[in-house]
Amino acid sequence: MTKKQTTKLIHFGDYAAEVDVELVYTDDEWSPYLSVDDAMKLDDVREALRQKDFATATRLARVYKLSPLAV
């Protein structure tokens, strides 16, 4: 079993977040996968963005406000 740090992007409305997670690689067919804690962290960030709870979101991830380049 090996582990690799990576970044997952979460997008909700006008906001995006970069969440650091660890992928676990094994010899089975479900590989790679996230730990339960990392999966819950992604869910928590998504829910915080949905509720516009930026204090929680920024504690767990890097949060960005998206704006269009041209209208």
N, C-alpha and C. Protein backbone atom coordinates (compact mmCIF):
# COMPACT_ATOMS: atom_id res chain seq x y z
N MET A 1 0.85 -1.17 0.00
CA MET A 1 0.00 0.00 0.00
C MET A 1 0.90 1.24 0.00
N THR A 2 0.60 2.14 -0.92
CA THR A 2 1.32 3.40 -0.97
C THR A 2 0.32 4.54 -0.88
N LYS A 3 0.80 5.68 -0.45
CA LYS A 3 -0.05 6.86 -0.31
C LYS A 3 0.58 8.02 -1.06
N LYS A 4 -0.29 8.87 -1.61
CA LYS A 4 0.19 10.01 -2.38
C LYS A 4 -0.67 11.23 -2.04
N GLN A 5 -0.01 12.33 -1.69
CA GLN A 5 -0.72 13.57 -1.44
C GLN A 5 -1.17 14.18 -2.76
N THR A 6 -2.40 14.67 -2.81
CA THR A 6 -2.93 15.31 -4.01
C THR A 6 -3.94 16.37 -3.60
N THR A 7 -4.39 17.14 -4.56
CA THR A 7 -5.36 18.20 -4.32
C THR A 7 -6.63 17.91 -5.11
N LYS A 8 -7.76 17.98 -4.44
CA LYS A 8 -9.06 17.83 -5.09
C LYS A 8 -9.72 19.20 -5.14
N LEU A 9 -10.43 19.48 -6.23
CA LEU A 9 -11.14 20.73 -6.37
C LEU A 9 -12.62 20.53 -6.10
N ILE A 10 -13.17 21.42 -5.30
CA ILE A 10 -14.60 21.44 -5.02
C ILE A 10 -15.14 22.74 -5.56
N HIS A 11 -16.26 22.68 -6.29
CA HIS A 11 -16.86 23.88 -6.87
C HIS A 11 -18.30 23.96 -6.44
N PHE A 12 -18.70 25.14 -5.96
CA PHE A 12 -20.10 25.37 -5.63
C PHE A 12 -20.42 26.85 -5.88
N GLY A 13 -21.33 27.10 -6.79
CA GLY A 13 -21.72 28.48 -7.10
C GLY A 13 -20.54 29.30 -7.59
N ASP A 14 -20.31 30.43 -6.95
CA ASP A 14 -19.21 31.33 -7.34
C ASP A 14 -17.91 31.02 -6.60
N TYR A 15 -17.83 29.87 -5.93
CA TYR A 15 -16.68 29.56 -5.10
C TYR A 15 -16.06 28.23 -5.49
N ALA A 16 -14.75 28.16 -5.27
CA ALA A 16 -14.02 26.92 -5.49
C ALA A 16 -13.07 26.73 -4.32
N ALA A 17 -12.74 25.49 -4.04
CA ALA A 17 -11.82 25.20 -2.94
C ALA A 17 -10.85 24.11 -3.36
N GLU A 18 -9.61 24.27 -2.96
CA GLU A 18 -8.59 23.26 -3.15
C GLU A 18 -8.41 22.53 -1.82
N VAL A 19 -8.68 21.24 -1.83
CA VAL A 19 -8.62 20.45 -0.60
C VAL A 19 -7.47 19.45 -0.72
N ASP A 20 -6.56 19.48 0.23
CA ASP A 20 -5.45 18.52 0.24
C ASP A 20 -5.95 17.20 0.83
N VAL A 21 -5.77 16.13 0.06
CA VAL A 21 -6.18 14.79 0.49
C VAL A 21 -5.06 13.81 0.18
N GLU A 22 -5.22 12.60 0.71
CA GLU A 22 -4.23 11.56 0.48
C GLU A 22 -4.91 10.39 -0.24
N LEU A 23 -4.41 10.05 -1.40
CA LEU A 23 -4.91 8.88 -2.13
C LEU A 23 -4.15 7.64 -1.68
N VAL A 24 -4.88 6.57 -1.48
CA VAL A 24 -4.29 5.31 -1.04
C VAL A 24 -4.31 4.34 -2.21
N TYR A 25 -3.15 3.86 -2.60
CA TYR A 25 -3.01 2.91 -3.70
C TYR A 25 -2.74 1.52 -3.13
N THR A 26 -3.55 0.54 -3.56
CA THR A 26 -3.37 -0.85 -3.16
C THR A 26 -3.42 -1.72 -4.41
N ASP A 27 -3.32 -3.01 -4.22
CA ASP A 27 -3.34 -3.94 -5.35
C ASP A 27 -4.75 -4.36 -5.76
N ASP A 28 -5.77 -3.89 -5.05
CA ASP A 28 -7.12 -4.30 -5.42
C ASP A 28 -7.70 -3.40 -6.51
N GLU A 29 -8.85 -3.78 -7.03
CA GLU A 29 -9.44 -3.08 -8.18
C GLU A 29 -10.10 -1.76 -7.81
N TRP A 30 -10.26 -1.45 -6.52
CA TRP A 30 -10.86 -0.18 -6.09
C TRP A 30 -9.82 0.93 -5.94
N SER A 31 -8.60 0.62 -6.16
CA SER A 31 -7.50 1.57 -5.97
C SER A 31 -7.47 2.60 -7.09
N PRO A 32 -7.12 3.83 -6.87
CA PRO A 32 -6.87 4.46 -5.58
C PRO A 32 -8.17 4.91 -4.92
N TYR A 33 -8.09 5.13 -3.63
CA TYR A 33 -9.27 5.59 -2.90
C TYR A 33 -8.86 6.57 -1.82
N LEU A 34 -9.86 7.26 -1.27
CA LEU A 34 -9.66 8.21 -0.19
C LEU A 34 -9.94 7.52 1.14
N SER A 35 -9.30 8.02 2.18
CA SER A 35 -9.66 7.55 3.51
C SER A 35 -11.04 8.12 3.86
N VAL A 36 -11.67 7.55 4.85
CA VAL A 36 -12.98 8.03 5.29
C VAL A 36 -12.86 9.48 5.77
N ASP A 37 -11.79 9.80 6.48
CA ASP A 37 -11.59 11.17 6.98
C ASP A 37 -11.47 12.17 5.84
N ASP A 38 -10.72 11.82 4.79
CA ASP A 38 -10.58 12.73 3.66
C ASP A 38 -11.88 12.89 2.89
N ALA A 39 -12.64 11.80 2.75
CA ALA A 39 -13.94 11.89 2.09
C ALA A 39 -14.89 12.79 2.88
N MET A 40 -14.85 12.68 4.20
CA MET A 40 -15.68 13.53 5.04
C MET A 40 -15.22 14.99 4.97
N LYS A 41 -13.91 15.20 4.83
CA LYS A 41 -13.40 16.55 4.70
C LYS A 41 -13.91 17.20 3.41
N LEU A 42 -13.92 16.45 2.31
CA LEU A 42 -14.47 16.97 1.05
C LEU A 42 -15.94 17.32 1.21
N ASP A 43 -16.70 16.47 1.88
CA ASP A 43 -18.12 16.75 2.12
C ASP A 43 -18.30 17.98 3.00
N ASP A 44 -17.46 18.12 4.02
CA ASP A 44 -17.55 19.28 4.91
C ASP A 44 -17.25 20.58 4.18
N VAL A 45 -16.25 20.57 3.31
CA VAL A 45 -15.92 21.77 2.53
C VAL A 45 -17.06 22.11 1.58
N ARG A 46 -17.60 21.11 0.90
CA ARG A 46 -18.72 21.34 -0.02
C ARG A 46 -19.91 21.94 0.72
N GLU A 47 -20.23 21.41 1.88
CA GLU A 47 -21.36 21.91 2.67
C GLU A 47 -21.08 23.33 3.19
N ALA A 48 -19.85 23.60 3.60
CA ALA A 48 -19.50 24.94 4.08
C ALA A 48 -19.63 25.96 2.94
N LEU A 49 -19.21 25.60 1.74
CA LEU A 49 -19.36 26.51 0.60
C LEU A 49 -20.83 26.73 0.29
N ARG A 50 -21.62 25.68 0.38
CA ARG A 50 -23.06 25.80 0.10
C ARG A 50 -23.72 26.76 1.09
N GLN A 51 -23.30 26.70 2.35
CA GLN A 51 -23.89 27.56 3.38
C GLN A 51 -23.18 28.91 3.50
N LYS A 52 -22.16 29.12 2.68
CA LYS A 52 -21.32 30.33 2.73
C LYS A 52 -20.68 30.51 4.10
N ASP A 53 -20.27 29.39 4.68
CA ASP A 53 -19.56 29.37 5.96
C ASP A 53 -18.07 29.36 5.63
N PHE A 54 -17.53 30.53 5.32
CA PHE A 54 -16.15 30.61 4.85
C PHE A 54 -15.13 30.37 5.96
N ALA A 55 -15.52 30.59 7.21
CA ALA A 55 -14.60 30.31 8.31
C ALA A 55 -14.27 28.81 8.35
N THR A 56 -15.28 27.98 8.23
CA THR A 56 -15.06 26.53 8.22
C THR A 56 -14.34 26.10 6.95
N ALA A 57 -14.77 26.62 5.82
CA ALA A 57 -14.17 26.23 4.54
C ALA A 57 -12.69 26.58 4.49
N THR A 58 -12.32 27.77 4.95
CA THR A 58 -10.91 28.18 4.90
C THR A 58 -10.06 27.44 5.92
N ARG A 59 -10.68 26.88 6.96
CA ARG A 59 -9.94 26.07 7.93
C ARG A 59 -9.54 24.73 7.31
N LEU A 60 -10.36 24.24 6.37
CA LEU A 60 -10.14 22.93 5.77
C LEU A 60 -9.49 22.97 4.39
N ALA A 61 -9.56 24.13 3.71
CA ALA A 61 -9.11 24.20 2.31
C ALA A 61 -8.73 25.63 1.95
N ARG A 62 -8.19 25.77 0.75
CA ARG A 62 -7.92 27.10 0.17
C ARG A 62 -9.14 27.46 -0.67
N VAL A 63 -9.78 28.58 -0.35
CA VAL A 63 -11.05 28.95 -0.97
C VAL A 63 -10.84 30.14 -1.89
N TYR A 64 -11.49 30.09 -3.05
CA TYR A 64 -11.40 31.14 -4.07
C TYR A 64 -12.80 31.57 -4.48
N LYS A 65 -12.94 32.84 -4.78
CA LYS A 65 -14.18 33.35 -5.36
C LYS A 65 -13.95 33.45 -6.87
N LEU A 66 -14.84 32.88 -7.64
CA LEU A 66 -14.72 32.86 -9.09
C LEU A 66 -15.47 34.04 -9.68
N SER A 67 -14.88 34.63 -10.72
CA SER A 67 -15.56 35.72 -11.43
C SER A 67 -15.29 35.55 -12.92
N PRO A 68 -16.28 35.89 -13.75
CA PRO A 68 -16.10 35.72 -15.19
C PRO A 68 -15.10 36.73 -15.75
N LEU A 69 -14.38 36.33 -16.77
CA LEU A 69 -13.44 37.22 -17.43
C LEU A 69 -14.14 38.14 -18.41
N ALA A 70 -15.18 37.66 -19.04
CA ALA A 70 -15.93 38.47 -20.00
C ALA A 70 -17.42 38.18 -19.81
N VAL A 71 -18.21 39.19 -20.09
CA VAL A 71 -19.64 39.02 -19.90
C VAL A 71 -20.34 38.91 -21.23
